[in-house]
Amino acid sequence: MKAKRQRKIKEIIKNNDISTQEELANALKKAGFNVTQATVSRDIKELRLVKIARKDNVYVYGLPKQQAIVHSEDRLRLMMQEFVQDINFSENLIVLKTYPGNAHGVASLLDSSNWEGIIGTLAGDDTILLIIKPREKVEDILNKLKSLMK
């Protein structure tokens, strides 16, 4: 059922401008899927959907440009280059600023990267907070993040 629903999600976002999880949930319900917002949110994360700006500056869900990239380091590099605007830090915290709607996708890849020193991430719409332990790892992680953006 999950695979069928996720195939339908891909079809829906390819053929429609979907801006919110609620719109996606409603489209799935019309297609015969009984879903909650939480289910839609998990599917968006698993499918690694991104928000893409149309010419009129309305953001809609889309598939990553290069879905064929399998290796997570390559995916992370692509996401860092395309969506991260700025990196800053204070003490044991690193803050990444992304384009609106892209923080969750980047944070998810950082979570799955299992880098030594990152004990957690917290993502909003356009901001990611990385918690680093020990504090001495901050410089190494900053350098690694910056190298991925090149």
N, C-alpha and C. Protein backbone atom coordinates (compact mmCIF):
# COMPACT_ATOMS: atom_id res chain seq x y z
N MET A 1 0.82 -1.20 0.00
CA MET A 1 0.00 0.00 0.00
C MET A 1 0.87 1.27 0.00
N LYS A 2 1.94 1.23 0.81
CA LYS A 2 2.83 2.38 0.90
C LYS A 2 3.50 2.67 -0.45
N ALA A 3 4.02 1.64 -1.10
CA ALA A 3 4.68 1.82 -2.39
C ALA A 3 3.70 2.37 -3.43
N LYS A 4 2.49 1.87 -3.41
CA LYS A 4 1.46 2.34 -4.35
C LYS A 4 1.13 3.81 -4.08
N ARG A 5 1.01 4.15 -2.79
CA ARG A 5 0.70 5.53 -2.41
C ARG A 5 1.84 6.46 -2.83
N GLN A 6 3.08 6.03 -2.62
CA GLN A 6 4.21 6.88 -2.97
C GLN A 6 4.35 7.03 -4.49
N ARG A 7 4.01 5.99 -5.24
CA ARG A 7 3.98 6.14 -6.71
C ARG A 7 2.94 7.18 -7.11
N LYS A 8 1.80 7.14 -6.43
CA LYS A 8 0.73 8.10 -6.72
C LYS A 8 1.17 9.52 -6.37
N ILE A 9 1.90 9.67 -5.27
CA ILE A 9 2.41 10.99 -4.89
C ILE A 9 3.30 11.55 -6.00
N LYS A 10 4.20 10.73 -6.51
CA LYS A 10 5.08 11.17 -7.60
C LYS A 10 4.27 11.61 -8.81
N GLU A 11 3.25 10.82 -9.13
CA GLU A 11 2.38 11.15 -10.27
C GLU A 11 1.66 12.47 -10.03
N ILE A 12 1.13 12.65 -8.82
CA ILE A 12 0.38 13.86 -8.49
C ILE A 12 1.27 15.10 -8.61
N ILE A 13 2.48 15.03 -8.04
CA ILE A 13 3.32 16.24 -8.08
C ILE A 13 3.90 16.50 -9.46
N LYS A 14 4.00 15.47 -10.29
CA LYS A 14 4.45 15.70 -11.67
C LYS A 14 3.38 16.41 -12.49
N ASN A 15 2.11 16.11 -12.18
CA ASN A 15 1.01 16.61 -13.00
C ASN A 15 0.25 17.78 -12.40
N ASN A 16 0.56 18.16 -11.15
CA ASN A 16 -0.17 19.23 -10.48
C ASN A 16 0.79 20.10 -9.69
N ASP A 17 0.40 21.34 -9.48
CA ASP A 17 1.16 22.23 -8.60
C ASP A 17 0.64 22.05 -7.18
N ILE A 18 1.42 21.38 -6.36
CA ILE A 18 1.04 21.10 -4.98
C ILE A 18 1.97 21.90 -4.08
N SER A 19 1.40 22.82 -3.29
CA SER A 19 2.21 23.70 -2.45
C SER A 19 2.27 23.28 -0.98
N THR A 20 1.26 22.54 -0.53
CA THR A 20 1.21 22.19 0.89
C THR A 20 0.94 20.70 1.08
N GLN A 21 1.24 20.24 2.28
CA GLN A 21 0.94 18.85 2.62
C GLN A 21 -0.57 18.61 2.58
N GLU A 22 -1.33 19.61 2.98
CA GLU A 22 -2.79 19.49 2.96
C GLU A 22 -3.30 19.29 1.53
N GLU A 23 -2.77 20.04 0.59
CA GLU A 23 -3.17 19.88 -0.82
C GLU A 23 -2.82 18.48 -1.31
N LEU A 24 -1.65 17.99 -0.92
CA LEU A 24 -1.24 16.65 -1.33
C LEU A 24 -2.14 15.59 -0.70
N ALA A 25 -2.46 15.76 0.58
CA ALA A 25 -3.36 14.82 1.26
C ALA A 25 -4.73 14.80 0.58
N ASN A 26 -5.24 15.96 0.23
CA ASN A 26 -6.55 16.04 -0.45
C ASN A 26 -6.51 15.36 -1.82
N ALA A 27 -5.42 15.56 -2.56
CA ALA A 27 -5.28 14.91 -3.87
C ALA A 27 -5.22 13.39 -3.71
N LEU A 28 -4.53 12.93 -2.68
CA LEU A 28 -4.46 11.48 -2.42
C LEU A 28 -5.83 10.93 -2.04
N LYS A 29 -6.57 11.68 -1.24
CA LYS A 29 -7.91 11.24 -0.84
C LYS A 29 -8.83 11.13 -2.06
N LYS A 30 -8.72 12.10 -2.97
CA LYS A 30 -9.51 12.05 -4.21
C LYS A 30 -9.14 10.83 -5.05
N ALA A 31 -7.88 10.39 -4.92
CA ALA A 31 -7.41 9.23 -5.68
C ALA A 31 -7.71 7.92 -4.94
N GLY A 32 -8.41 8.02 -3.80
CA GLY A 32 -8.82 6.81 -3.08
C GLY A 32 -7.91 6.36 -1.95
N PHE A 33 -6.96 7.19 -1.56
CA PHE A 33 -6.07 6.84 -0.46
C PHE A 33 -6.52 7.54 0.82
N ASN A 34 -6.68 6.78 1.89
CA ASN A 34 -7.06 7.35 3.17
C ASN A 34 -5.78 7.69 3.93
N VAL A 35 -5.40 8.98 3.95
CA VAL A 35 -4.13 9.39 4.54
C VAL A 35 -4.33 10.49 5.57
N THR A 36 -3.37 10.57 6.47
CA THR A 36 -3.33 11.68 7.43
C THR A 36 -2.18 12.60 7.04
N GLN A 37 -2.15 13.77 7.65
CA GLN A 37 -1.05 14.70 7.39
C GLN A 37 0.27 14.08 7.81
N ALA A 38 0.28 13.33 8.90
CA ALA A 38 1.52 12.69 9.37
C ALA A 38 2.05 11.69 8.34
N THR A 39 1.15 10.93 7.73
CA THR A 39 1.55 9.97 6.70
C THR A 39 2.15 10.70 5.49
N VAL A 40 1.49 11.77 5.09
CA VAL A 40 1.98 12.56 3.95
C VAL A 40 3.36 13.14 4.28
N SER A 41 3.53 13.63 5.49
CA SER A 41 4.82 14.19 5.91
C SER A 41 5.93 13.15 5.85
N ARG A 42 5.65 11.93 6.32
CA ARG A 42 6.65 10.86 6.26
C ARG A 42 6.97 10.49 4.81
N ASP A 43 5.94 10.43 3.97
CA ASP A 43 6.17 10.11 2.55
C ASP A 43 7.04 11.17 1.88
N ILE A 44 6.78 12.44 2.19
CA ILE A 44 7.57 13.53 1.61
C ILE A 44 9.04 13.37 2.00
N LYS A 45 9.27 13.03 3.26
CA LYS A 45 10.65 12.84 3.73
C LYS A 45 11.29 11.64 3.04
N GLU A 46 10.58 10.52 2.98
CA GLU A 46 11.13 9.30 2.37
C GLU A 46 11.39 9.47 0.88
N LEU A 47 10.53 10.19 0.20
CA LEU A 47 10.70 10.42 -1.24
C LEU A 47 11.70 11.56 -1.52
N ARG A 48 12.11 12.23 -0.46
CA ARG A 48 13.06 13.35 -0.56
C ARG A 48 12.54 14.44 -1.50
N LEU A 49 11.24 14.72 -1.38
CA LEU A 49 10.65 15.77 -2.19
C LEU A 49 11.22 17.12 -1.75
N VAL A 50 11.32 18.02 -2.69
CA VAL A 50 11.84 19.36 -2.42
C VAL A 50 10.81 20.38 -2.87
N LYS A 51 10.91 21.58 -2.31
CA LYS A 51 10.06 22.68 -2.75
C LYS A 51 10.82 23.43 -3.83
N ILE A 52 10.17 23.65 -4.95
CA ILE A 52 10.78 24.30 -6.10
C ILE A 52 10.02 25.60 -6.37
N ALA A 53 10.75 26.68 -6.59
CA ALA A 53 10.11 27.97 -6.88
C ALA A 53 9.72 28.02 -8.35
N ARG A 54 8.43 28.32 -8.58
CA ARG A 54 8.00 28.58 -9.96
C ARG A 54 8.41 30.00 -10.32
N LYS A 55 8.16 30.38 -11.56
CA LYS A 55 8.53 31.73 -12.01
C LYS A 55 7.80 32.82 -11.24
N ASP A 56 6.59 32.52 -10.74
CA ASP A 56 5.82 33.51 -9.98
C ASP A 56 6.14 33.48 -8.49
N ASN A 57 7.25 32.82 -8.12
CA ASN A 57 7.72 32.70 -6.73
C ASN A 57 6.78 31.91 -5.82
N VAL A 58 5.93 31.09 -6.39
CA VAL A 58 5.13 30.16 -5.60
C VAL A 58 5.93 28.86 -5.52
N TYR A 59 6.02 28.31 -4.32
CA TYR A 59 6.79 27.08 -4.12
C TYR A 59 5.88 25.86 -4.21
N VAL A 60 6.30 24.89 -5.00
CA VAL A 60 5.54 23.65 -5.17
C VAL A 60 6.47 22.46 -4.95
N TYR A 61 5.88 21.33 -4.55
CA TYR A 61 6.67 20.13 -4.36
C TYR A 61 7.15 19.58 -5.69
N GLY A 62 8.35 19.05 -5.68
CA GLY A 62 8.91 18.41 -6.87
C GLY A 62 9.88 17.33 -6.46
N LEU A 63 10.25 16.52 -7.44
CA LEU A 63 11.25 15.48 -7.21
C LEU A 63 12.64 16.10 -7.34
N PRO A 64 13.62 15.58 -6.61
CA PRO A 64 14.98 16.10 -6.78
C PRO A 64 15.41 16.00 -8.24
N LYS A 65 16.22 16.94 -8.69
CA LYS A 65 16.65 16.98 -10.08
C LYS A 65 17.33 15.69 -10.51
N GLN A 66 18.17 15.17 -9.66
CA GLN A 66 18.94 13.99 -10.04
C GLN A 66 18.58 12.84 -9.11
N GLN A 67 17.42 12.29 -9.28
CA GLN A 67 16.96 11.22 -8.41
C GLN A 67 17.81 9.96 -8.57
N ALA A 68 18.58 9.88 -9.64
CA ALA A 68 19.41 8.70 -9.87
C ALA A 68 20.63 8.65 -8.96
N ILE A 69 20.92 9.76 -8.29
CA ILE A 69 22.07 9.75 -7.39
C ILE A 69 21.76 8.85 -6.21
N VAL A 70 22.54 7.82 -6.05
CA VAL A 70 22.25 6.82 -5.02
C VAL A 70 23.08 7.05 -3.77
N HIS A 71 24.32 7.39 -3.92
CA HIS A 71 25.21 7.54 -2.79
C HIS A 71 24.82 8.77 -1.97
N SER A 72 24.64 8.61 -0.66
CA SER A 72 24.15 9.70 0.18
C SER A 72 25.11 10.89 0.22
N GLU A 73 26.40 10.65 0.15
CA GLU A 73 27.36 11.77 0.14
C GLU A 73 27.16 12.61 -1.12
N ASP A 74 26.89 11.96 -2.26
CA ASP A 74 26.61 12.70 -3.49
C ASP A 74 25.30 13.47 -3.38
N ARG A 75 24.29 12.84 -2.78
CA ARG A 75 23.01 13.53 -2.59
C ARG A 75 23.20 14.73 -1.68
N LEU A 76 23.95 14.53 -0.59
CA LEU A 76 24.18 15.63 0.34
C LEU A 76 24.93 16.77 -0.36
N ARG A 77 25.93 16.44 -1.16
CA ARG A 77 26.68 17.47 -1.90
C ARG A 77 25.73 18.25 -2.82
N LEU A 78 24.88 17.54 -3.54
CA LEU A 78 23.92 18.18 -4.44
C LEU A 78 22.99 19.11 -3.67
N MET A 79 22.45 18.62 -2.56
CA MET A 79 21.52 19.42 -1.76
C MET A 79 22.24 20.65 -1.17
N MET A 80 23.45 20.46 -0.68
CA MET A 80 24.21 21.58 -0.11
C MET A 80 24.46 22.65 -1.19
N GLN A 81 24.84 22.22 -2.38
CA GLN A 81 25.15 23.16 -3.45
C GLN A 81 23.90 23.88 -3.95
N GLU A 82 22.78 23.19 -4.01
CA GLU A 82 21.58 23.78 -4.58
C GLU A 82 20.75 24.57 -3.59
N PHE A 83 20.77 24.18 -2.30
CA PHE A 83 19.79 24.74 -1.37
C PHE A 83 20.37 25.50 -0.19
N VAL A 84 21.62 25.31 0.17
CA VAL A 84 22.18 26.00 1.34
C VAL A 84 22.76 27.34 0.91
N GLN A 85 22.33 28.39 1.61
CA GLN A 85 22.77 29.75 1.29
C GLN A 85 23.90 30.23 2.19
N ASP A 86 23.90 29.80 3.46
CA ASP A 86 24.86 30.34 4.41
C ASP A 86 25.10 29.34 5.54
N ILE A 87 26.30 29.39 6.10
CA ILE A 87 26.66 28.56 7.25
C ILE A 87 27.26 29.48 8.31
N ASN A 88 26.81 29.30 9.56
CA ASN A 88 27.36 30.07 10.66
C ASN A 88 27.45 29.17 11.87
N PHE A 89 28.14 29.60 12.92
CA PHE A 89 28.27 28.77 14.11
C PHE A 89 28.45 29.63 15.36
N SER A 90 28.18 29.01 16.50
CA SER A 90 28.42 29.60 17.81
C SER A 90 28.59 28.46 18.79
N GLU A 91 29.73 28.47 19.48
CA GLU A 91 30.02 27.40 20.45
C GLU A 91 29.92 26.03 19.78
N ASN A 92 28.97 25.19 20.25
CA ASN A 92 28.83 23.84 19.69
C ASN A 92 27.65 23.72 18.73
N LEU A 93 27.18 24.85 18.21
CA LEU A 93 26.02 24.86 17.32
C LEU A 93 26.43 25.38 15.94
N ILE A 94 25.93 24.72 14.91
CA ILE A 94 26.12 25.18 13.54
C ILE A 94 24.74 25.46 12.96
N VAL A 95 24.60 26.59 12.28
CA VAL A 95 23.32 26.97 11.67
C VAL A 95 23.50 27.05 10.16
N LEU A 96 22.66 26.31 9.44
CA LEU A 96 22.63 26.37 7.98
C LEU A 96 21.36 27.10 7.56
N LYS A 97 21.49 28.09 6.67
CA LYS A 97 20.33 28.77 6.10
C LYS A 97 20.11 28.21 4.70
N THR A 98 18.88 27.78 4.43
CA THR A 98 18.54 27.22 3.12
C THR A 98 17.50 28.10 2.44
N TYR A 99 17.23 27.81 1.19
CA TYR A 99 16.10 28.43 0.53
C TYR A 99 14.83 27.89 1.19
N PRO A 100 13.77 28.69 1.25
CA PRO A 100 12.55 28.25 1.93
C PRO A 100 12.06 26.88 1.43
N GLY A 101 11.68 26.05 2.40
CA GLY A 101 11.12 24.74 2.09
C GLY A 101 12.14 23.63 1.92
N ASN A 102 13.41 23.92 2.08
CA ASN A 102 14.44 22.91 1.80
C ASN A 102 15.22 22.43 3.02
N ALA A 103 14.97 23.00 4.17
CA ALA A 103 15.75 22.64 5.36
C ALA A 103 15.55 21.17 5.75
N HIS A 104 14.33 20.68 5.67
CA HIS A 104 14.07 19.29 6.10
C HIS A 104 14.83 18.28 5.26
N GLY A 105 14.88 18.49 3.96
CA GLY A 105 15.59 17.55 3.09
C GLY A 105 17.08 17.49 3.38
N VAL A 106 17.68 18.67 3.57
CA VAL A 106 19.11 18.72 3.88
C VAL A 106 19.37 18.11 5.25
N ALA A 107 18.53 18.45 6.23
CA ALA A 107 18.72 17.92 7.59
C ALA A 107 18.58 16.40 7.61
N SER A 108 17.65 15.88 6.85
CA SER A 108 17.47 14.43 6.79
C SER A 108 18.73 13.74 6.28
N LEU A 109 19.34 14.30 5.25
CA LEU A 109 20.58 13.73 4.72
C LEU A 109 21.72 13.85 5.73
N LEU A 110 21.78 14.97 6.44
CA LEU A 110 22.80 15.12 7.47
C LEU A 110 22.60 14.09 8.58
N ASP A 111 21.33 13.87 8.96
CA ASP A 111 21.03 12.85 9.98
C ASP A 111 21.51 11.48 9.54
N SER A 112 21.26 11.15 8.29
CA SER A 112 21.61 9.81 7.81
C SER A 112 23.10 9.66 7.48
N SER A 113 23.82 10.78 7.47
CA SER A 113 25.25 10.71 7.14
C SER A 113 26.08 10.11 8.27
N ASN A 114 25.56 10.15 9.48
CA ASN A 114 26.25 9.59 10.65
C ASN A 114 27.66 10.15 10.84
N TRP A 115 27.82 11.44 10.59
CA TRP A 115 29.12 12.08 10.80
C TRP A 115 29.43 12.09 12.29
N GLU A 116 30.66 11.77 12.62
CA GLU A 116 31.09 11.80 14.01
C GLU A 116 31.03 13.24 14.51
N GLY A 117 30.36 13.45 15.62
CA GLY A 117 30.26 14.78 16.21
C GLY A 117 28.90 15.42 16.09
N ILE A 118 28.12 15.04 15.08
CA ILE A 118 26.76 15.58 14.97
C ILE A 118 25.85 14.70 15.82
N ILE A 119 25.36 15.26 16.93
CA ILE A 119 24.49 14.46 17.80
C ILE A 119 23.01 14.68 17.50
N GLY A 120 22.71 15.68 16.65
CA GLY A 120 21.33 15.88 16.25
C GLY A 120 21.17 17.09 15.36
N THR A 121 20.03 17.13 14.66
CA THR A 121 19.68 18.28 13.83
C THR A 121 18.25 18.67 14.13
N LEU A 122 17.94 19.93 13.90
CA LEU A 122 16.59 20.44 14.05
C LEU A 122 16.34 21.34 12.85
N ALA A 123 15.28 21.05 12.09
CA ALA A 123 15.03 21.81 10.86
C ALA A 123 13.70 22.54 10.92
N GLY A 124 13.73 23.78 10.46
CA GLY A 124 12.52 24.55 10.25
C GLY A 124 12.25 24.60 8.76
N ASP A 125 11.68 25.69 8.29
CA ASP A 125 11.39 25.84 6.87
C ASP A 125 12.66 26.17 6.08
N ASP A 126 13.48 27.07 6.64
CA ASP A 126 14.68 27.50 5.92
C ASP A 126 15.93 27.55 6.80
N THR A 127 15.88 26.91 7.95
CA THR A 127 17.01 26.93 8.88
C THR A 127 17.22 25.55 9.48
N ILE A 128 18.49 25.16 9.58
CA ILE A 128 18.85 23.89 10.21
C ILE A 128 19.82 24.18 11.35
N LEU A 129 19.55 23.61 12.52
CA LEU A 129 20.44 23.71 13.66
C LEU A 129 21.12 22.36 13.84
N LEU A 130 22.44 22.35 13.81
CA LEU A 130 23.21 21.13 14.08
C LEU A 130 23.81 21.26 15.48
N ILE A 131 23.61 20.24 16.30
CA ILE A 131 24.19 20.22 17.64
C ILE A 131 25.42 19.33 17.58
N ILE A 132 26.55 19.87 17.99
CA ILE A 132 27.84 19.19 17.85
C ILE A 132 28.40 18.84 19.24
N LYS A 133 28.93 17.64 19.35
CA LYS A 133 29.59 17.20 20.58
C LYS A 133 30.71 16.24 20.21
N PRO A 134 31.90 16.46 20.67
CA PRO A 134 32.36 17.56 21.52
C PRO A 134 32.52 18.84 20.71
N ARG A 135 32.62 19.94 21.43
CA ARG A 135 32.72 21.26 20.81
C ARG A 135 33.90 21.35 19.84
N GLU A 136 34.95 20.61 20.13
CA GLU A 136 36.16 20.64 19.30
C GLU A 136 35.91 20.13 17.87
N LYS A 137 34.81 19.42 17.64
CA LYS A 137 34.48 18.88 16.32
C LYS A 137 33.86 19.94 15.39
N VAL A 138 33.47 21.09 15.94
CA VAL A 138 32.77 22.11 15.15
C VAL A 138 33.58 22.51 13.92
N GLU A 139 34.86 22.78 14.10
CA GLU A 139 35.68 23.23 12.97
C GLU A 139 35.77 22.16 11.87
N ASP A 140 35.95 20.90 12.26
CA ASP A 140 36.01 19.81 11.28
C ASP A 140 34.71 19.71 10.49
N ILE A 141 33.59 19.78 11.20
CA ILE A 141 32.29 19.66 10.55
C ILE A 141 32.02 20.87 9.65
N LEU A 142 32.37 22.06 10.13
CA LEU A 142 32.22 23.27 9.29
C LEU A 142 33.01 23.13 8.00
N ASN A 143 34.25 22.68 8.10
CA ASN A 143 35.08 22.51 6.90
C ASN A 143 34.48 21.49 5.95
N LYS A 144 33.96 20.41 6.50
CA LYS A 144 33.34 19.37 5.67
C LYS A 144 32.10 19.92 4.96
N LEU A 145 31.27 20.66 5.70
CA LEU A 145 30.06 21.25 5.10
C LEU A 145 30.43 22.23 3.99
N LYS A 146 31.40 23.09 4.27
CA LYS A 146 31.82 24.08 3.28
C LYS A 146 32.41 23.42 2.04
N SER A 147 33.14 22.33 2.22
CA SER A 147 33.71 21.64 1.06
C SER A 147 32.62 21.01 0.19
N LEU A 148 31.51 20.61 0.81
CA LEU A 148 30.40 20.05 0.04
C LEU A 148 29.70 21.11 -0.80
N MET A 149 29.81 22.37 -0.39
CA MET A 149 29.14 23.45 -1.12
C MET A 149 29.93 23.91 -2.34
N LYS A 150 31.18 23.47 -2.47
CA LYS A 150 32.02 23.92 -3.59
C LYS A 150 31.70 23.16 -4.85
